[in-house]
Amino acid sequence: MAEPLKFTDANTIIKGAFQPMLCAMTAQDPATFNVEVYAPNGTALLQRRIARVDLLDNSLLEAFICDSRARIERATHERLDWQVRYTRAIS
């Protein structure tokens, strides 16, 4: 089981269209994070890895998720107006 990455706030919410989605990050191994985005019904929309770097911050995570927008839209069969909002920094 992957070790959860600690957020100062428990939830990171991605606002897409009318439904917020949960973004979860786990530490897959010493070199990578596993980023997962879930729809409100619990369906996994995105599962990708991102390299672990000391400078990983919210803006870099936002860029990574926005880069994955096409994958999410294909999975949901919708074109969404994405706005990624983080309530707290990653600790």
Protein backbone atom coordinates (compact mmCIF):
# COMPACT_ATOMS: atom_id res chain seq x y z
CA MET A 1 0.00 0.00 0.00
CA ALA A 2 1.33 3.44 -0.94
CA GLU A 3 2.07 5.89 1.83
CA PRO A 4 -0.28 8.92 1.64
CA LEU A 5 1.39 12.24 0.98
CA LYS A 6 0.63 14.60 3.84
CA PHE A 7 -1.39 17.68 3.03
CA THR A 8 -1.93 20.38 5.62
CA ASP A 9 -5.55 20.19 4.53
CA ALA A 10 -7.01 16.75 3.91
CA ASN A 11 -8.66 17.48 0.56
CA THR A 12 -7.40 18.99 -2.63
CA ILE A 13 -10.35 19.91 -4.81
CA ILE A 14 -10.37 20.32 -8.56
CA LYS A 15 -13.31 22.38 -9.74
CA GLY A 16 -14.46 20.98 -13.07
CA ALA A 17 -17.78 22.05 -14.57
CA PHE A 18 -20.36 21.73 -11.78
CA GLN A 19 -18.85 18.87 -9.81
CA PRO A 20 -15.73 19.08 -7.66
CA MET A 21 -13.28 16.22 -8.00
CA LEU A 22 -10.83 14.90 -5.44
CA CYS A 23 -7.13 14.84 -6.22
CA ALA A 24 -5.08 12.40 -4.14
CA MET A 25 -1.31 12.04 -4.14
CA THR A 26 0.55 9.09 -2.70
CA ALA A 27 4.26 8.38 -2.46
CA GLN A 28 4.68 5.44 -4.82
CA ASP A 29 8.41 5.04 -4.25
CA PRO A 30 11.39 7.31 -3.45
CA ALA A 31 11.42 8.66 -7.03
CA THR A 32 7.74 9.21 -7.88
CA PHE A 33 4.35 10.38 -6.66
CA ASN A 34 1.16 8.73 -7.84
CA VAL A 35 -1.49 11.36 -8.75
CA GLU A 36 -5.11 10.24 -8.89
CA VAL A 37 -8.21 12.27 -9.72
CA TYR A 38 -11.64 10.95 -8.74
CA ALA A 39 -15.14 11.97 -9.77
CA PRO A 40 -17.67 12.60 -6.97
CA ASN A 41 -19.06 9.06 -7.47
CA GLY A 42 -15.61 7.60 -6.74
CA THR A 43 -14.70 6.74 -10.33
CA ALA A 44 -10.98 7.17 -10.98
CA LEU A 45 -10.58 9.57 -13.90
CA LEU A 46 -6.81 9.88 -13.93
CA GLN A 47 -3.94 7.83 -12.56
CA ARG A 48 -0.47 9.08 -13.47
CA ARG A 49 2.98 9.27 -11.96
CA ILE A 50 5.00 12.42 -11.47
CA ALA A 51 8.68 12.60 -10.55
CA ARG A 52 9.38 13.49 -6.92
CA VAL A 53 11.37 16.68 -6.76
CA ASP A 54 12.20 18.92 -3.84
CA LEU A 55 10.56 21.87 -5.58
CA LEU A 56 7.19 20.16 -6.16
CA ASP A 57 4.62 22.75 -5.18
CA ASN A 58 1.00 23.51 -5.95
CA SER A 59 1.73 25.37 -9.19
CA LEU A 60 3.77 22.46 -10.55
CA LEU A 61 1.06 20.00 -9.52
CA GLU A 62 -1.56 22.23 -11.16
CA ALA A 63 0.44 22.29 -14.40
CA PHE A 64 0.76 18.50 -14.31
CA ILE A 65 -2.98 18.00 -13.83
CA CYS A 66 -3.87 20.58 -16.49
CA ASP A 67 -1.52 18.73 -18.84
CA SER A 68 -3.67 15.66 -18.14
CA ARG A 69 -6.87 17.52 -19.05
CA ALA A 70 -7.36 15.69 -22.35
CA ARG A 71 -7.17 12.31 -20.60
CA ILE A 72 -9.76 13.40 -18.05
CA GLU A 73 -12.08 14.79 -20.74
CA ARG A 74 -11.85 11.56 -22.73
CA ALA A 75 -12.69 9.57 -19.60
CA THR A 76 -15.72 11.72 -18.77
CA HIS A 77 -16.80 12.29 -22.39
CA GLU A 78 -17.22 15.99 -21.60
CA ARG A 79 -15.36 19.19 -22.27
CA LEU A 80 -14.91 20.80 -18.90
CA ASP A 81 -14.00 24.31 -17.89
CA TRP A 82 -11.16 23.40 -15.54
CA GLN A 83 -10.01 25.45 -12.62
CA VAL A 84 -7.61 23.78 -10.22
CA ARG A 85 -7.75 25.13 -6.68
CA TYR A 86 -5.58 24.05 -3.79
CA THR A 87 -6.65 24.95 -0.30
CA ARG A 88 -3.26 24.40 1.31
CA ALA A 89 0.32 23.71 0.35
CA ILE A 90 1.72 20.21 0.30
CA SER A 91 3.66 19.53 3.49
